[in-house]
Amino acid sequence: MVFPQPHTLSHLFCNLTFMPTHIYKEKISEQPNQVVRRYEEKTIDNRQAEYRRSSSGSQALYVLLDILEVILAVRFLFKLLAANAASPFVNFVYNLSSPLVAPFRNIFSNTQTGFGVLEWSTIIAMIVYAIIAYLLAGLIENTSRPVTQ
C-alpha cells in the first residue's frame, strides 16, 4: 500500500518546476509478536514526467494519421472491388478522400484488374502521409524532450 507522508504534500506542486518528486511506500509485514515497518523512497525526475505528458502532441498526430489511413484504405478497397459510386456511403468516402489523393494523381496510371481498379495514387498517398506523420512526430518528441545536464 502507498501511504503519503505528511511532508510530501509540498511535492504536489513539483509538477510546476523541475524538482524531483519523492514517492514513499510503506510496507507492513506482521510477524508473530511484532509489526515490522519498512519505508522505501523512490525519486522521479519531473522532467521525465513532463516529457511523457508532452508526447501527447505526437499521440494526437498518430491518431490523425490513423484516421487518414483508414479513410484511404477504405477508398482503396472500394476502388479495387469496384464499389457502386452511386451508393451514398461510397460516394461520401470518395468525396472525403478525393482531396487527400489529389496531389498524387497521375504519378502512375491506374491498373485495371479483372473486377476493379488498382489506384496507385491512394497507395502513394498512404505512404507519403505516413512518412510525414512519423517525421513530424519525431520532431515533436525531440523538441519536447527535456534537456539533461
Protein backbone atom coordinates (compact mmCIF):
# COMPACT_ATOMS: atom_id res chain seq x y z
CA MET A 1 0.00 0.00 0.00
CA VAL A 2 1.11 3.56 -0.60
CA PHE A 3 0.87 5.95 2.32
CA PRO A 4 1.82 9.57 1.66
CA GLN A 5 3.97 11.03 4.38
CA PRO A 6 2.93 14.42 5.78
CA HIS A 7 5.98 16.23 4.44
CA THR A 8 5.32 15.02 0.89
CA LEU A 9 2.28 17.29 0.45
CA SER A 10 4.62 20.04 -0.69
CA HIS A 11 5.59 17.79 -3.58
CA LEU A 12 2.13 18.14 -5.10
CA PHE A 13 3.30 21.38 -6.68
CA CYS A 14 6.56 19.95 -8.01
CA ASN A 15 4.98 19.44 -11.42
CA LEU A 16 5.23 23.19 -11.95
CA THR A 17 9.01 23.04 -11.59
CA PHE A 18 11.69 20.55 -12.45
CA MET A 19 12.33 19.48 -8.87
CA PRO A 20 12.44 15.76 -8.22
CA THR A 21 9.36 14.16 -6.71
CA HIS A 22 9.64 11.64 -3.92
CA ILE A 23 7.19 8.80 -3.59
CA TYR A 24 7.11 6.97 -0.30
CA LYS A 25 5.91 3.41 0.06
CA GLU A 26 5.31 1.78 3.37
CA LYS A 27 5.43 -1.97 3.62
CA ILE A 28 3.97 -3.52 6.71
CA SER A 29 4.70 -7.12 7.42
CA GLU A 30 3.41 -8.74 10.52
CA GLN A 31 5.35 -11.42 12.26
CA PRO A 32 4.07 -13.43 15.22
CA ASN A 33 4.84 -10.94 18.02
CA GLN A 34 5.87 -7.77 16.23
CA VAL A 35 5.00 -5.42 13.40
CA VAL A 36 7.83 -4.56 11.06
CA ARG A 37 7.56 -1.37 9.02
CA ARG A 38 9.89 -0.57 6.18
CA TYR A 39 9.88 2.63 4.13
CA GLU A 40 11.08 2.80 0.58
CA GLU A 41 11.73 6.04 -1.19
CA LYS A 42 11.63 6.42 -4.94
CA THR A 43 12.65 9.61 -6.68
CA ILE A 44 11.10 10.53 -10.01
CA ASP A 45 12.59 13.31 -12.09
CA ASN A 46 9.72 15.58 -13.15
CA ARG A 47 11.46 16.24 -16.44
CA GLN A 48 10.67 12.65 -17.39
CA ALA A 49 7.04 13.13 -16.38
CA GLU A 50 6.95 16.39 -18.35
CA TYR A 51 8.33 14.55 -21.38
CA ARG A 52 5.67 11.84 -21.08
CA ARG A 53 2.93 14.49 -20.92
CA SER A 54 4.36 16.45 -23.85
CA SER A 55 4.31 13.39 -26.10
CA SER A 56 0.54 13.82 -26.29
CA GLY A 57 1.16 16.05 -29.32
CA SER A 58 2.74 13.18 -31.18
CA GLN A 59 -0.03 10.87 -29.98
CA ALA A 60 -2.62 13.23 -31.48
CA LEU A 61 -0.64 13.19 -34.71
CA TYR A 62 -0.70 9.39 -34.76
CA VAL A 63 -4.46 9.40 -34.18
CA LEU A 64 -4.88 11.79 -37.12
CA LEU A 65 -2.67 9.53 -39.24
CA ASP A 66 -4.77 6.51 -38.29
CA ILE A 67 -7.95 8.30 -39.34
CA LEU A 68 -6.39 9.32 -42.68
CA GLU A 69 -5.07 5.83 -43.29
CA VAL A 70 -8.46 4.23 -42.61
CA ILE A 71 -10.22 6.64 -44.97
CA LEU A 72 -7.64 6.00 -47.69
CA ALA A 73 -7.70 2.23 -47.13
CA VAL A 74 -11.48 2.16 -47.47
CA ARG A 75 -11.19 4.20 -50.68
CA PHE A 76 -8.56 1.79 -51.99
CA LEU A 77 -10.75 -1.23 -51.25
CA PHE A 78 -13.82 0.38 -52.81
CA LYS A 79 -11.86 1.15 -55.99
CA LEU A 80 -10.27 -2.29 -56.05
CA LEU A 81 -13.57 -4.07 -55.61
CA ALA A 82 -15.46 -1.72 -57.98
CA ALA A 83 -17.93 -0.48 -55.39
CA ASN A 84 -21.02 1.28 -56.69
CA ALA A 85 -20.20 5.02 -56.68
CA ALA A 86 -23.94 5.83 -56.61
CA SER A 87 -24.16 4.39 -53.09
CA PRO A 88 -24.30 7.25 -50.56
CA PHE A 89 -21.61 5.80 -48.30
CA VAL A 90 -19.22 5.02 -51.15
CA ASN A 91 -19.82 8.48 -52.60
CA PHE A 92 -19.15 10.01 -49.16
CA VAL A 93 -15.84 8.15 -48.86
CA TYR A 94 -14.79 9.17 -52.38
CA ASN A 95 -15.65 12.83 -51.74
CA LEU A 96 -13.90 12.81 -48.37
CA SER A 97 -10.73 11.17 -49.67
CA SER A 98 -10.51 12.90 -53.05
CA PRO A 99 -8.62 15.98 -51.74
CA LEU A 100 -6.20 13.68 -49.91
CA VAL A 101 -5.38 11.75 -53.07
CA ALA A 102 -5.41 14.74 -55.47
CA PRO A 103 -1.71 15.71 -55.09
CA PHE A 104 -0.67 12.18 -56.07
CA ARG A 105 -2.91 11.63 -59.10
CA ASN A 106 -1.24 10.82 -62.42
CA ILE A 107 2.09 9.85 -60.86
CA PHE A 108 1.30 6.33 -62.02
CA SER A 109 -1.62 5.31 -64.14
CA ASN A 110 -4.32 3.19 -62.53
CA THR A 111 -4.16 -0.54 -63.23
CA GLN A 112 -7.34 -2.28 -64.35
CA THR A 113 -7.88 -5.58 -62.59
CA GLY A 114 -10.42 -8.21 -63.52
CA PHE A 115 -13.08 -6.67 -61.30
CA GLY A 116 -11.92 -3.16 -60.32
CA VAL A 117 -9.16 -0.57 -60.37
CA LEU A 118 -5.83 -0.66 -58.57
CA GLU A 119 -5.43 3.03 -57.73
CA TRP A 120 -1.74 3.70 -57.20
CA SER A 121 -2.30 7.30 -56.13
CA THR A 122 -4.10 6.11 -52.98
CA ILE A 123 -1.22 3.80 -52.06
CA ILE A 124 1.31 6.57 -52.63
CA ALA A 125 -0.80 8.98 -50.56
CA MET A 126 -0.92 6.48 -47.68
CA ILE A 127 2.86 6.06 -47.77
CA VAL A 128 3.63 9.78 -48.05
CA TYR A 129 1.23 10.77 -45.27
CA ALA A 130 2.69 8.09 -43.00
CA ILE A 131 6.25 9.31 -43.64
CA ILE A 132 5.24 12.93 -42.99
CA ALA A 133 3.44 11.98 -39.77
CA TYR A 134 6.38 9.94 -38.47
CA LEU A 135 8.81 12.75 -39.24
CA LEU A 136 6.61 15.34 -37.53
CA ALA A 137 6.07 13.07 -34.52
CA GLY A 138 9.83 12.59 -34.22
CA LEU A 139 10.33 16.33 -34.43
CA ILE A 140 7.69 16.93 -31.73
CA GLU A 141 9.21 14.30 -29.44
CA ASN A 142 12.76 15.58 -29.92
CA THR A 143 11.87 19.21 -29.31
CA SER A 144 9.76 18.42 -26.24
CA ARG A 145 12.37 16.16 -24.63
CA PRO A 146 13.90 17.78 -21.53
CA VAL A 147 17.48 18.91 -21.68
CA THR A 148 19.66 16.84 -19.39
CA GLN A 149 22.54 18.46 -17.61
